[in-house]
Amino acid sequence: MLRKLLGKDSEVFCSSEEAAINRLAASHRRLLSDGDAGRVNTKSEAGYNACASFLEGMDAAARALHLEAASRSYRTHFTINYRALFPDEARNYRVDVLEASVEQYSVIWVNGDKFEFSQEAMRRAEALQRTWCTMTTLLENWNSPNEQIRPRSLKSEIRNAMVALDISWASFEDKYISELIDIEEKARRLIVQAIERERALKALEDGHSNYSALLKEQDYQEALRAFVASISHLNSVANFRRKGRDDLTIHVLVDAHETLARCDMAEKNGESTDLLASARQLAEEVVSSFLQIRSYLREVEKCLERVDPHLCNNAGLVAKLVDWEESWEVGTRYVQHEKLMAAICDVVAECKSAKHFAPALAAMWEECDVELFMVLPRLLWLRFLMEPNKQVVLLKSILPHRFPEEALFSDPELKPLWQKYQAASNSISPAGGGIPAKSRTAQISEVLIKRAIDAQPEDLYRGMSQGARHAAEAAVEDFMGDLETWSMELQRHCPEDWNQCAAIIVSCLSGNRQKGAPGQFRV
């Protein structure tokens, strides 16, 4: 009674309060530190969990001591993402806020741009660290083994330290999160700009039924150029799965539309659809990937708050950019070069024609059999040897050092392949043997393609006499030995160029390269 009259019970913890402080002190002892620096370790999983447990203990102890929490009304101004993390005005101590006050990074980089936190934010971080150190020192003294040297902290010291820590925590959290929100808004400006430019394109397109005519209008070209520049910039900072190219221009799209118009006209005039199919597919992919990007931007405009400011973390955006870059890169190399695209179309048409006498080839591309990628370079060389003027541009694009001059076989190492091809052809169907040239070419093509696909095809030399058969087999095998060497060079000289070419041919054969199938929207 006398102690109460003297006011000394204000410094005495009740049993529930002391139990809460004991639990907090025990939780503090479990914190992990980073070496000599003495900082709390939050980077490892164990360190993070220990820190989170300690912060929960801080909140529980403050409630046990009936301490009033500092105002956190500022959270009502947070964006929806941060309101999900801080749903009310409870203390809600978070490890990442503590980390930010410890690290005190004044500069962060987002999407390749530099952003700086204010000096006031850094000052508040330092204030939080000072109150943190005061609180942890008190907890270290709380259950000291030598209480005569390090007596238990008084109740008022604990209360004051916890109140000061809570005030400085709320002050830093307010400034830090608010500046983070501002930085994130600026970091999203690339996608916001792309949305605005897509909207400008749409406004110019409304009311125009003739897109080909619209493409020629200067205002539309300028708007299109600005929009593609935005996509290129987005691609350079977000597309980590490919090259992140920023040099792809509207000319790819314009040429793709012109190619489609030529295909439409040719089909109306009754020209071969086999030759046109590949050109149409490549051009359609350029257009489709462009439309898919536009569709994505229209959808993401409805939920911008869900866009991660680190744009490379948005799976939906990255997927659209990957398709766009791949399609436009192919468009730049092939759609914009008529002779190169004609060579691709010719190879694809020849392969499709070959399936009538070599069904194994059709099975390879339908099943995407790995063996196809061994056969394909042989078929490309064969088509070049059969139609050198049509195919030289394609071979030269992959092996430029083998075609340094205008002459088709100026490379001395390439001449023997041509000579062996001629010898094999004559052994299969001798020139001047009374067979029409077209039939002779078809016969040679069938034998060599079958042999390129299968090392031991049945009835390859049917109808030949035994002597002619032995001669043809020797010449063909001699030729195939050299052909395999050149096929390996085609694959290995510039693997990236060959892989792109092979992927185009295979996709045109199978007709399933088209991307962007409708599905659930992903940010």
Protein backbone atom coordinates (compact mmCIF):
# COMPACT_ATOMS: atom_id res chain seq x y z
CA MET A 1 0.00 0.00 0.00
CA LEU A 2 2.84 2.36 0.91
CA ARG A 3 4.53 1.71 -2.52
CA LYS A 4 1.29 2.60 -4.30
CA LEU A 5 0.98 5.82 -2.24
CA LEU A 6 4.57 6.72 -3.12
CA GLY A 7 3.85 6.06 -6.82
CA LYS A 8 6.48 3.37 -7.21
CA ASP A 9 4.21 0.78 -8.80
CA SER A 10 4.35 2.75 -12.05
CA GLU A 11 7.77 1.19 -12.61
CA VAL A 12 6.64 -2.35 -11.84
CA PHE A 13 5.38 -4.67 -14.56
CA CYS A 14 2.36 -6.78 -13.89
CA SER A 15 2.73 -10.49 -14.60
CA SER A 16 1.19 -10.34 -18.09
CA GLU A 17 3.34 -7.33 -19.03
CA GLU A 18 6.50 -8.96 -17.77
CA ALA A 19 5.65 -12.16 -19.63
CA ALA A 20 5.24 -10.17 -22.85
CA ILE A 21 8.63 -8.47 -22.35
CA ASN A 22 10.24 -11.81 -21.52
CA ARG A 23 8.90 -13.27 -24.77
CA LEU A 24 10.14 -10.23 -26.67
CA ALA A 25 13.60 -10.49 -25.08
CA ALA A 26 13.74 -14.20 -25.94
CA SER A 27 12.71 -13.40 -29.52
CA HIS A 28 15.42 -10.73 -29.65
CA ARG A 29 18.08 -13.26 -28.62
CA ARG A 30 17.08 -15.40 -31.63
CA LEU A 31 17.81 -12.60 -34.11
CA LEU A 32 20.72 -13.33 -36.44
CA SER A 33 23.34 -10.70 -37.10
CA ASP A 34 25.59 -9.98 -40.10
CA GLY A 35 29.12 -10.50 -38.83
CA ASP A 36 31.03 -7.61 -37.32
CA ALA A 37 28.57 -5.01 -38.58
CA GLY A 38 26.07 -6.14 -35.94
CA ARG A 39 23.15 -5.53 -38.28
CA VAL A 40 20.15 -7.80 -38.19
CA ASN A 41 20.40 -10.51 -40.82
CA THR A 42 17.25 -10.51 -42.95
CA LYS A 43 18.70 -11.90 -46.18
CA SER A 44 18.77 -15.56 -45.23
CA GLU A 45 15.52 -17.45 -44.75
CA ALA A 46 16.32 -18.17 -41.10
CA GLY A 47 17.30 -14.55 -40.47
CA TYR A 48 14.18 -13.22 -42.15
CA ASN A 49 11.90 -15.53 -40.17
CA ALA A 50 13.60 -14.63 -36.88
CA CYS A 51 13.22 -10.92 -37.61
CA ALA A 52 9.55 -11.32 -38.60
CA SER A 53 8.92 -13.20 -35.34
CA PHE A 54 10.63 -10.45 -33.33
CA LEU A 55 8.56 -7.72 -35.01
CA GLU A 56 5.37 -9.64 -34.21
CA GLY A 57 6.61 -9.82 -30.60
CA MET A 58 7.13 -6.05 -30.61
CA ASP A 59 3.53 -5.51 -31.62
CA ALA A 60 2.27 -8.01 -29.04
CA ALA A 61 4.34 -6.39 -26.26
CA ALA A 62 3.09 -2.91 -27.18
CA ARG A 63 -0.50 -4.15 -26.95
CA ALA A 64 0.23 -5.87 -23.61
CA LEU A 65 1.59 -2.57 -22.26
CA HIS A 66 -1.49 -0.77 -23.64
CA LEU A 67 0.68 1.61 -25.67
CA GLU A 68 -1.12 3.83 -28.14
CA ALA A 69 0.09 3.29 -31.72
CA ALA A 70 1.36 6.23 -33.75
CA SER A 71 -1.11 7.47 -36.35
CA ARG A 72 -0.97 5.68 -39.66
CA SER A 73 -3.76 7.55 -41.41
CA TYR A 74 -1.32 8.26 -44.26
CA ARG A 75 -1.92 4.70 -45.48
CA THR A 76 -5.27 5.75 -46.93
CA HIS A 77 -3.29 7.50 -49.66
CA PHE A 78 -1.34 4.36 -50.60
CA THR A 79 -2.04 2.62 -53.90
CA ILE A 80 -4.16 -0.52 -53.91
CA ASN A 81 -1.05 -2.74 -53.94
CA TYR A 82 0.36 -1.16 -50.79
CA ARG A 83 -3.05 -1.02 -49.11
CA ALA A 84 -3.09 -4.80 -49.50
CA LEU A 85 0.18 -4.90 -47.50
CA PHE A 86 -1.01 -2.27 -44.98
CA PRO A 87 -4.77 -2.84 -44.84
CA ASP A 88 -5.50 -0.80 -41.69
CA GLU A 89 -3.84 1.47 -39.11
CA ALA A 90 -2.41 -1.36 -37.04
CA ARG A 91 1.34 -1.26 -36.45
CA ASN A 92 1.96 -4.06 -38.95
CA TYR A 93 5.75 -3.96 -38.65
CA ARG A 94 7.27 -5.42 -41.84
CA VAL A 95 10.76 -6.79 -42.31
CA ASP A 96 11.21 -5.05 -45.69
CA VAL A 97 10.61 -1.62 -44.11
CA LEU A 98 13.25 -2.36 -41.48
CA GLU A 99 15.63 -3.54 -44.23
CA ALA A 100 15.16 -0.27 -46.11
CA SER A 101 16.00 1.75 -42.98
CA VAL A 102 19.12 -0.34 -42.41
CA GLU A 103 20.42 -0.30 -45.98
CA GLN A 104 19.52 3.36 -46.63
CA TYR A 105 19.99 3.11 -50.38
CA SER A 106 19.53 6.64 -51.66
CA VAL A 107 19.46 5.47 -55.30
CA ILE A 108 17.62 2.63 -57.00
CA TRP A 109 17.56 1.60 -60.66
CA VAL A 110 14.32 0.55 -62.35
CA ASN A 111 14.07 -0.33 -66.07
CA GLY A 112 17.51 1.17 -66.61
CA ASP A 113 16.55 4.54 -65.09
CA LYS A 114 18.01 6.07 -61.95
CA PHE A 115 15.71 7.17 -59.11
CA GLU A 116 16.77 8.88 -55.88
CA PHE A 117 15.12 8.94 -52.47
CA SER A 118 14.94 12.32 -50.78
CA GLN A 119 17.27 13.47 -48.01
CA GLU A 120 14.26 13.57 -45.72
CA ALA A 121 13.65 9.86 -46.32
CA MET A 122 17.28 9.13 -45.43
CA ARG A 123 17.01 11.29 -42.29
CA ARG A 124 13.93 9.37 -41.16
CA ALA A 125 15.70 6.06 -41.83
CA GLU A 126 18.55 7.16 -39.55
CA ALA A 127 16.05 8.19 -36.85
CA LEU A 128 14.40 4.78 -37.01
CA GLN A 129 17.76 3.08 -36.64
CA ARG A 130 18.59 5.16 -33.57
CA THR A 131 15.35 4.19 -31.82
CA TRP A 132 15.86 0.59 -32.94
CA CYS A 133 19.30 0.52 -31.33
CA THR A 134 17.91 2.01 -28.10
CA MET A 135 15.21 -0.63 -27.94
CA THR A 136 17.53 -3.56 -28.69
CA THR A 137 20.02 -2.33 -26.07
CA LEU A 138 17.29 -2.34 -23.44
CA LEU A 139 16.32 -5.86 -24.42
CA GLU A 140 19.93 -7.01 -24.20
CA ASN A 141 20.04 -5.66 -20.64
CA TRP A 142 16.66 -7.11 -19.70
CA ASN A 143 17.83 -10.57 -18.74
CA SER A 144 21.51 -9.90 -18.26
CA PRO A 145 23.29 -12.70 -16.34
CA ASN A 146 24.83 -10.05 -14.08
CA GLU A 147 21.89 -7.96 -12.88
CA GLN A 148 24.07 -5.99 -10.44
CA ILE A 149 26.12 -4.62 -13.34
CA ARG A 150 23.23 -4.44 -15.86
CA PRO A 151 19.99 -4.09 -13.86
CA ARG A 152 16.62 -4.72 -15.42
CA SER A 153 15.26 -1.77 -17.36
CA LEU A 154 12.54 0.23 -15.71
CA LYS A 155 9.01 0.04 -17.06
CA SER A 156 9.13 3.67 -18.16
CA GLU A 157 12.32 3.07 -20.18
CA ILE A 158 10.76 0.16 -22.02
CA ARG A 159 7.53 2.04 -22.65
CA ASN A 160 9.31 5.19 -23.84
CA ALA A 161 11.64 3.24 -26.11
CA MET A 162 8.76 1.33 -27.68
CA VAL A 163 6.72 4.50 -28.21
CA ALA A 164 9.72 6.29 -29.75
CA LEU A 165 10.42 3.31 -32.00
CA ASP A 166 6.80 3.18 -33.14
CA ILE A 167 6.71 6.91 -33.93
CA SER A 168 9.98 6.82 -35.89
CA TRP A 169 8.84 3.61 -37.66
CA ALA A 170 5.57 5.20 -38.81
CA SER A 171 7.38 8.35 -39.89
CA PHE A 172 9.85 6.42 -42.04
CA GLU A 173 7.20 4.07 -43.41
CA ASP A 174 5.10 7.03 -44.52
CA LYS A 175 7.95 8.76 -46.36
CA TYR A 176 9.57 5.62 -47.77
CA ILE A 177 6.40 4.00 -49.14
CA SER A 178 5.11 7.31 -50.52
CA GLU A 179 8.35 7.87 -52.42
CA LEU A 180 8.35 4.25 -53.58
CA ILE A 181 4.85 4.78 -54.99
CA ASP A 182 6.05 7.89 -56.82
CA ILE A 183 9.07 6.02 -58.23
CA GLU A 184 6.88 3.13 -59.35
CA GLU A 185 4.50 5.50 -61.09
CA LYS A 186 7.42 7.04 -62.98
CA ALA A 187 8.81 3.57 -63.77
CA ARG A 188 5.49 2.64 -65.38
CA ARG A 189 5.59 5.68 -67.65
CA LEU A 190 6.95 3.56 -70.53
CA ILE A 191 3.87 1.39 -70.59
CA VAL A 192 1.56 4.36 -69.98
CA GLN A 193 3.15 6.16 -72.92
CA ALA A 194 2.66 3.09 -75.13
CA ILE A 195 -1.01 2.95 -74.07
CA GLU A 196 -1.50 6.60 -74.95
CA ARG A 197 0.14 6.18 -78.35
CA GLU A 198 -1.90 3.06 -79.09
CA ARG A 199 -5.01 5.07 -78.26
CA ALA A 200 -3.90 7.77 -80.71
CA LEU A 201 -3.48 5.11 -83.41
CA LYS A 202 -6.95 3.76 -82.71
CA ALA A 203 -8.47 7.25 -83.01
CA LEU A 204 -6.92 7.67 -86.48
CA GLU A 205 -8.11 4.21 -87.56
CA ASP A 206 -11.73 4.70 -86.52
CA GLY A 207 -13.85 5.42 -89.55
CA HIS A 208 -11.28 4.09 -92.07
CA SER A 209 -12.25 0.90 -93.84
CA ASN A 210 -9.23 0.86 -96.18
CA TYR A 211 -6.18 0.17 -94.01
CA SER A 212 -3.81 0.07 -96.99
CA ALA A 213 -4.79 3.62 -97.87
CA LEU A 214 -4.51 4.72 -94.22
CA LEU A 215 -0.96 3.34 -94.06
CA LYS A 216 0.08 5.85 -96.70
CA GLU A 217 -1.21 8.90 -94.82
CA GLN A 218 1.52 10.97 -93.20
CA ASP A 219 -0.34 11.59 -89.92
CA TYR A 220 -0.93 7.89 -89.46
CA GLN A 221 2.67 7.01 -90.31
CA GLU A 222 3.91 9.50 -87.71
CA ALA A 223 1.56 8.08 -85.07
CA LEU A 224 2.59 4.54 -86.03
CA ARG A 225 6.26 5.45 -85.87
CA ALA A 226 5.81 6.91 -82.38
CA PHE A 227 3.93 3.84 -81.19
CA VAL A 228 6.51 1.39 -82.56
CA ALA A 229 9.24 3.49 -80.89
CA SER A 230 7.41 2.99 -77.58
CA ILE A 231 7.20 -0.76 -78.16
CA SER A 232 10.90 -0.87 -79.05
CA HIS A 233 11.78 0.98 -75.85
CA LEU A 234 9.59 -1.36 -73.80
CA ASN A 235 11.25 -4.30 -75.52
CA SER A 236 14.73 -3.05 -74.70
CA VAL A 237 14.04 -2.85 -70.95
CA ALA A 238 11.56 -5.70 -70.40
CA ASN A 239 12.39 -8.47 -72.89
CA PHE A 240 15.02 -10.42 -70.97
CA ARG A 241 14.18 -13.69 -72.76
CA ARG A 242 15.50 -12.52 -76.14
CA LYS A 243 17.76 -9.73 -77.36
CA GLY A 244 15.66 -6.77 -76.30
CA ARG A 245 16.09 -5.10 -79.69
CA ASP A 246 15.11 -1.45 -80.08
CA ASP A 247 15.94 -1.06 -83.78
CA LEU A 248 12.87 -2.64 -85.39
CA THR A 249 10.93 -0.08 -87.42
CA ILE A 250 7.48 0.42 -88.94
CA HIS A 251 8.88 -0.55 -92.35
CA VAL A 252 8.60 -4.20 -91.30
CA LEU A 253 4.87 -3.77 -90.72
CA VAL A 254 4.33 -1.76 -93.90
CA ASP A 255 6.16 -4.36 -96.00
CA ALA A 256 4.18 -7.17 -94.33
CA HIS A 257 0.90 -5.51 -95.33
CA GLU A 258 2.20 -5.03 -98.88
CA THR A 259 3.19 -8.72 -99.01
CA LEU A 260 -0.29 -9.75 -97.89
CA ALA A 261 -1.82 -7.50 -100.56
CA ARG A 262 0.39 -9.12 -103.23
CA CYS A 263 -0.59 -12.58 -102.00
CA ASP A 264 -4.28 -11.67 -102.21
CA MET A 265 -3.84 -10.37 -105.74
CA ALA A 266 -1.81 -13.40 -106.83
CA GLU A 267 -4.39 -15.80 -105.47
CA LYS A 268 -7.14 -13.94 -107.34
CA ASN A 269 -5.07 -14.37 -110.50
CA GLY A 270 -4.82 -18.12 -109.90
CA GLU A 271 -1.11 -18.32 -109.02
CA SER A 272 0.30 -21.25 -107.01
CA THR A 273 -0.88 -21.15 -103.43
CA ASP A 274 2.03 -23.38 -102.34
CA LEU A 275 4.53 -20.69 -103.25
CA LEU A 276 2.40 -17.98 -101.63
CA ALA A 277 1.58 -19.83 -98.41
CA SER A 278 4.95 -19.28 -96.73
CA ALA A 279 5.12 -15.60 -97.68
CA ARG A 280 1.61 -15.10 -96.35
CA GLN A 281 2.41 -16.87 -93.08
CA LEU A 282 5.54 -14.82 -92.38
CA ALA A 283 3.74 -11.57 -93.15
CA GLU A 284 0.72 -12.55 -91.06
CA GLU A 285 2.98 -13.24 -88.09
CA VAL A 286 4.41 -9.72 -88.29
CA VAL A 287 0.90 -8.24 -88.33
CA SER A 288 -0.47 -10.62 -85.70
CA SER A 289 2.28 -9.98 -83.15
CA PHE A 290 1.71 -6.24 -83.61
CA LEU A 291 -2.03 -6.62 -83.01
CA GLN A 292 -1.39 -8.81 -79.96
CA ILE A 293 0.77 -6.09 -78.40
CA ARG A 294 -1.99 -3.55 -79.02
CA SER A 295 -4.60 -5.85 -77.51
CA TYR A 296 -2.41 -6.36 -74.44
CA LEU A 297 -2.07 -2.60 -73.91
CA ARG A 298 -5.82 -2.09 -74.11
CA GLU A 299 -6.36 -4.75 -71.46
CA VAL A 300 -3.56 -3.68 -69.14
CA GLU A 301 -4.84 -0.10 -69.15
CA LYS A 302 -7.76 -1.41 -67.07
CA CYS A 303 -5.44 -2.68 -64.32
CA LEU A 304 -2.30 -0.54 -64.35
CA GLU A 305 -1.94 -0.94 -60.59
CA ARG A 306 -1.15 -4.62 -61.21
CA VAL A 307 1.81 -3.80 -63.46
CA ASP A 308 5.10 -4.50 -61.72
CA PRO A 309 7.23 -1.34 -62.10
CA HIS A 310 10.15 -3.63 -62.91
CA LEU A 311 8.63 -4.30 -66.32
CA CYS A 312 10.62 -7.49 -66.90
CA ASN A 313 8.65 -9.09 -64.05
CA ASN A 314 5.36 -8.90 -65.97
CA ALA A 315 5.03 -12.34 -67.60
CA GLY A 316 2.24 -11.34 -69.98
CA LEU A 317 4.09 -8.28 -71.26
CA VAL A 318 7.33 -10.22 -71.72
CA ALA A 319 5.54 -13.00 -73.64
CA LYS A 320 4.00 -10.47 -76.06
CA LEU A 321 7.34 -8.74 -76.55
CA VAL A 322 9.12 -12.04 -77.20
CA ASP A 323 6.62 -12.89 -79.95
CA TRP A 324 6.80 -9.37 -81.35
CA GLU A 325 10.60 -9.25 -81.49
CA GLU A 326 10.87 -12.75 -82.98
CA SER A 327 8.24 -12.10 -85.67
CA TRP A 328 9.57 -8.67 -86.58
CA GLU A 329 13.16 -9.90 -86.61
CA VAL A 330 12.14 -12.59 -89.10
CA GLY A 331 10.17 -9.97 -90.99
CA THR A 332 13.19 -7.69 -91.18
CA ARG A 333 15.39 -10.46 -92.54
CA TYR A 334 12.95 -12.21 -94.88
CA VAL A 335 9.70 -10.30 -95.50
CA GLN A 336 11.60 -7.12 -96.34
CA HIS A 337 13.85 -8.97 -98.81
CA GLU A 338 11.74 -10.31 -101.65
CA LYS A 339 14.37 -12.63 -103.16
CA LEU A 340 15.20 -14.15 -99.78
CA MET A 341 11.55 -14.75 -99.02
CA ALA A 342 11.06 -16.24 -102.51
CA ALA A 343 13.90 -18.67 -101.78
CA ILE A 344 12.24 -19.74 -98.51
CA CYS A 345 8.92 -20.18 -100.30
CA ASP A 346 10.63 -22.29 -102.98
CA VAL A 347 12.27 -24.60 -100.42
CA VAL A 348 9.02 -25.06 -98.52
CA ALA A 349 7.07 -25.76 -101.71
CA GLU A 350 9.68 -28.32 -102.83
CA CYS A 351 9.55 -30.09 -99.45
CA LYS A 352 5.76 -30.23 -99.58
CA SER A 353 5.96 -31.64 -103.08
CA ALA A 354 8.46 -34.27 -101.92
CA LYS A 355 6.05 -35.71 -99.35
CA HIS A 356 4.22 -37.45 -102.21
CA PHE A 357 7.17 -39.79 -102.84
CA ALA A 358 8.79 -39.44 -99.37
CA PRO A 359 6.01 -39.64 -96.75
CA ALA A 360 8.65 -40.02 -94.04
CA LEU A 361 9.53 -36.36 -94.57
CA ALA A 362 5.95 -35.25 -93.92
CA ALA A 363 5.90 -37.35 -90.74
CA MET A 364 9.10 -35.64 -89.58
CA TRP A 365 7.73 -32.11 -89.78
CA GLU A 366 4.29 -33.06 -88.47
CA GLU A 367 5.85 -34.66 -85.39
CA CYS A 368 8.75 -32.17 -85.28
CA ASP A 369 11.10 -35.17 -85.21
CA VAL A 370 14.67 -34.28 -84.24
CA GLU A 371 15.85 -36.16 -87.35
CA LEU A 372 14.26 -33.41 -89.44
CA PHE A 373 16.93 -30.98 -88.30
CA MET A 374 19.60 -33.30 -89.67
CA VAL A 375 17.76 -33.77 -92.95
CA LEU A 376 16.84 -30.12 -93.52
CA PRO A 377 20.33 -28.76 -94.34
CA ARG A 378 20.81 -31.59 -96.86
CA LEU A 379 17.52 -30.68 -98.55
CA LEU A 380 18.49 -27.02 -98.67
CA TRP A 381 21.80 -27.82 -100.37
CA LEU A 382 20.02 -30.15 -102.78
CA ARG A 383 17.56 -27.44 -103.71
CA PHE A 384 20.42 -25.02 -104.25
CA LEU A 385 22.20 -27.47 -106.55
CA MET A 386 18.96 -28.06 -108.48
CA GLU A 387 18.00 -24.37 -108.67
CA PRO A 388 21.14 -22.36 -107.89
CA ASN A 389 19.84 -19.04 -109.22
CA LYS A 390 16.78 -19.20 -106.96
CA GLN A 391 18.57 -20.37 -103.84
CA VAL A 392 21.92 -18.59 -103.90
CA VAL A 393 20.52 -15.60 -101.98
CA LEU A 394 19.44 -17.88 -99.10
CA LEU A 395 22.71 -19.80 -98.96
CA LYS A 396 24.65 -16.56 -99.16
CA SER A 397 22.73 -15.11 -96.22
CA ILE A 398 23.98 -17.97 -94.03
CA LEU A 399 27.39 -18.67 -95.63
CA PRO A 400 28.45 -15.29 -97.07
CA HIS A 401 32.12 -16.31 -97.23
CA ARG A 402 31.26 -19.10 -99.70
CA PHE A 403 29.71 -16.69 -102.19
CA PRO A 404 32.08 -13.71 -102.34
CA GLU A 405 31.46 -12.96 -106.01
CA GLU A 406 28.60 -12.98 -108.48
CA ALA A 407 29.61 -16.39 -109.83
CA LEU A 408 27.66 -19.18 -108.14
CA PHE A 409 30.60 -21.53 -107.63
CA SER A 410 33.53 -19.12 -107.32
CA ASP A 411 34.59 -20.75 -104.05
CA PRO A 412 37.14 -23.44 -105.02
CA GLU A 413 35.97 -25.75 -102.21
CA LEU A 414 32.37 -25.58 -103.40
CA LYS A 415 33.13 -26.59 -106.99
CA PRO A 416 33.75 -30.29 -106.17
CA LEU A 417 30.28 -30.51 -104.60
CA TRP A 418 28.73 -29.20 -107.81
CA GLN A 419 30.79 -31.63 -109.88
CA LYS A 420 29.80 -34.59 -107.73
CA TYR A 421 26.16 -33.51 -107.90
CA GLN A 422 26.40 -33.47 -111.69
CA ALA A 423 28.04 -36.92 -111.68
CA ALA A 424 25.35 -38.34 -109.39
CA SER A 425 22.61 -36.80 -111.53
CA ASN A 426 24.04 -38.26 -114.73
CA SER A 427 24.40 -41.68 -113.14
CA ILE A 428 20.73 -41.60 -112.12
CA SER A 429 19.44 -40.28 -115.43
CA PRO A 430 22.04 -39.65 -118.14
CA ALA A 431 21.71 -36.39 -119.99
CA GLY A 432 20.54 -36.83 -123.57
CA GLY A 433 19.03 -40.21 -122.80
CA GLY A 434 15.80 -39.34 -124.52
CA ILE A 435 13.96 -38.49 -121.28
CA PRO A 436 12.24 -35.07 -121.20
CA ALA A 437 14.15 -32.54 -119.12
CA LYS A 438 11.27 -32.09 -116.66
CA SER A 439 10.93 -35.82 -116.11
CA ARG A 440 14.69 -36.22 -115.78
CA THR A 441 14.84 -33.46 -113.13
CA ALA A 442 11.96 -35.07 -111.22
CA GLN A 443 13.67 -38.47 -111.32
CA ILE A 444 16.97 -37.07 -110.04
CA SER A 445 15.19 -35.05 -107.36
CA GLU A 446 13.25 -38.07 -106.09
CA VAL A 447 16.34 -40.30 -105.81
CA LEU A 448 18.51 -37.69 -104.08
CA ILE A 449 15.80 -36.48 -101.70
CA LYS A 450 14.93 -40.04 -100.70
CA ARG A 451 18.62 -40.73 -100.07
CA ALA A 452 19.01 -37.50 -98.08
CA ILE A 453 16.12 -38.57 -95.85
CA ASP A 454 17.01 -42.25 -95.45
CA ALA A 455 20.47 -43.83 -95.64
CA GLN A 456 19.00 -47.11 -96.91
CA PRO A 457 15.78 -46.41 -98.81
CA GLU A 458 14.04 -49.26 -100.61
CA ASP A 459 13.88 -49.44 -104.42
CA LEU A 460 15.98 -46.30 -104.80
CA TYR A 461 17.37 -47.43 -108.16
CA ARG A 462 14.44 -49.47 -109.40
CA GLY A 463 14.29 -50.03 -113.14
CA MET A 464 18.08 -49.79 -113.57
CA SER A 465 20.32 -52.55 -114.89
CA GLN A 466 22.74 -54.04 -112.41
CA GLY A 467 25.69 -52.19 -113.91
CA ALA A 468 23.88 -48.86 -113.99
CA ARG A 469 22.64 -49.46 -110.47
CA HIS A 470 26.17 -50.01 -109.11
CA ALA A 471 27.46 -46.93 -110.92
CA ALA A 472 24.59 -44.76 -109.68
CA GLU A 473 24.93 -45.99 -106.12
CA ALA A 474 28.68 -45.26 -106.08
CA ALA A 475 28.21 -41.76 -107.51
CA VAL A 476 25.31 -40.93 -105.18
CA GLU A 477 27.15 -42.16 -102.07
CA ASP A 478 30.25 -40.20 -103.06
CA PHE A 479 28.11 -37.09 -103.46
CA MET A 480 26.26 -37.70 -100.18
CA GLY A 481 29.54 -37.88 -98.27
CA ASP A 482 30.44 -34.38 -99.43
CA LEU A 483 26.87 -33.17 -98.95
CA GLU A 484 26.98 -34.16 -95.29
CA THR A 485 30.14 -32.11 -94.77
CA TRP A 486 28.52 -29.04 -96.31
CA SER A 487 25.37 -29.64 -94.31
CA MET A 488 27.38 -29.49 -91.09
CA GLU A 489 28.99 -26.24 -92.18
CA LEU A 490 25.59 -24.78 -92.92
CA GLN A 491 24.51 -25.53 -89.36
CA ARG A 492 27.71 -24.54 -87.61
CA HIS A 493 29.07 -21.46 -89.39
CA CYS A 494 26.50 -19.14 -87.80
CA PRO A 495 24.18 -21.25 -85.62
CA GLU A 496 21.87 -18.33 -84.87
CA ASP A 497 21.20 -17.61 -88.56
CA TRP A 498 20.76 -21.29 -89.37
CA ASN A 499 18.45 -21.92 -86.42
CA GLN A 500 16.27 -19.02 -87.46
CA CYS A 501 16.16 -20.21 -91.08
CA ALA A 502 15.41 -23.80 -90.05
CA ALA A 503 12.69 -22.69 -87.62
CA ILE A 504 11.02 -20.65 -90.39
CA ILE A 505 11.08 -23.54 -92.86
CA VAL A 506 9.74 -26.02 -90.30
CA SER A 507 7.00 -23.67 -89.14
CA CYS A 508 5.96 -22.96 -92.73
CA LEU A 509 5.87 -26.69 -93.43
CA SER A 510 3.75 -27.44 -90.37
CA GLY A 511 1.75 -24.22 -90.57
CA ASN A 512 1.63 -23.84 -86.79
CA ARG A 513 3.95 -20.94 -86.15
CA GLN A 514 1.10 -18.56 -85.44
CA LYS A 515 1.19 -17.26 -81.88
CA GLY A 516 -1.02 -15.25 -79.65
CA ALA A 517 -3.91 -17.69 -79.32
CA PRO A 518 -6.66 -16.31 -77.07
CA GLY A 519 -6.28 -17.24 -73.44
CA GLN A 520 -6.44 -15.86 -69.93
CA PHE A 521 -5.00 -12.36 -69.76
CA ARG A 522 -1.71 -12.08 -67.90
CA VAL A 523 -0.15 -8.81 -66.82
